[in-house]
Amino acid sequence: MKYIAPLLLAAALATAHAGEAEIRKNLGGSFPQLAQIDEVRKSPMPGLWEVRQGFDLYYTDEQGNFLIQGHLIDVKNRRNLTEERVDKLTAVDFDKLPVQDAIKIVRGNGKRKLAIFEDPNCGYCKQFERELRKVDNVTIHLFLYPVLGPDSAVKSRDIWCSKDKAKAWTDWMMDGVKPTNAECDTQALKRNVEFGRKYNITGTPTLLFANGTRTPGAVPAAQVEQQLSAAGN
C-alpha cells in the first residue's frame, strides 16, 4: 500500500506532461506565432489549461484543439483570475527598483515611498502631476519613460541632464517651461525603457507602491493617499 501514492503521483505528473507537450505541439503547429510558448499549466478551471507567451495569457483544452483569448473570471468570488495572474507575473519588488536611474523628489518628511513612470509629453501625466502636488510627506522616485516618440526622448534627455532635474521636470510639467538643451550620459533612460518592457509597463503614468501594488493612469490625490496608507507607509 505504501507504494500506491508515489505511483499515483508519478502517473498524474506523466499525464500533466503529456497534456503540456500535446498543447505545445498542436498550438504551435496551428499558429506560428505560438511556436514559442513560455509556459503551459493547468488553470483554476477544471479542464482548462493556461498558455503563457510573455505576459499574454491564453486558454485551451488539454489537447490544444481550442484556443480562448480573454479573461477568466471566478464568478462566485468575483475575481478576475487572468488579471491577478498577470499582476503576479509583472510584480516589482519596490526595494529592488533601480532608483539610481530615477529623479528623487522629497516632500515633507519623505517617509512614504512612491515610484512613477512618466513620459514628459504625456497629457495624462501632466494632469496627474497637478494631483500629486496635493500629496505630502512622500519620497517620489520619478522614472523618465520616453515612449511616446522622438521628442519625448529629447525632453527626457534635457530634463535628466539638467543641473536640477526635479526643477526642470516640475517647470515643464506644471508650467510648460521647456527644458534647456543639455547633454550627458543618458544610459539611465534606456535602462528605464528596458525595465518597463521587462515588467510590462505599457502606459504612463504608472504608479508603483511599496507593497508591490501597481496603478496605471492619472488617479486623483485621494486615491494615491489611500494606496500609500494601504502600502504601510
Foldseek 3Di string as FASTA:
>chain_A
DVVPVVVVVVVVVVLQVVLVVLLQVVCCVVDVVSVDWDDWACDPDPQKIWTHDQLAIWIDGSRNPDIGHDWDAPVVVGDGRSVVVSLVQLFDQVVPPPLVLFQKDAFDLQPFEKEKEAFLPDPQQLLLVVQCVVDGNHIYGYHDAHDPDDVSVQQVQLLVQDPRNVVQSCCCSHPNDRRDGDDDDNVSNVVSNVSCVNSVVDDPTWMAGNQRDIDHTSDGNVVVVVVSVVNPD
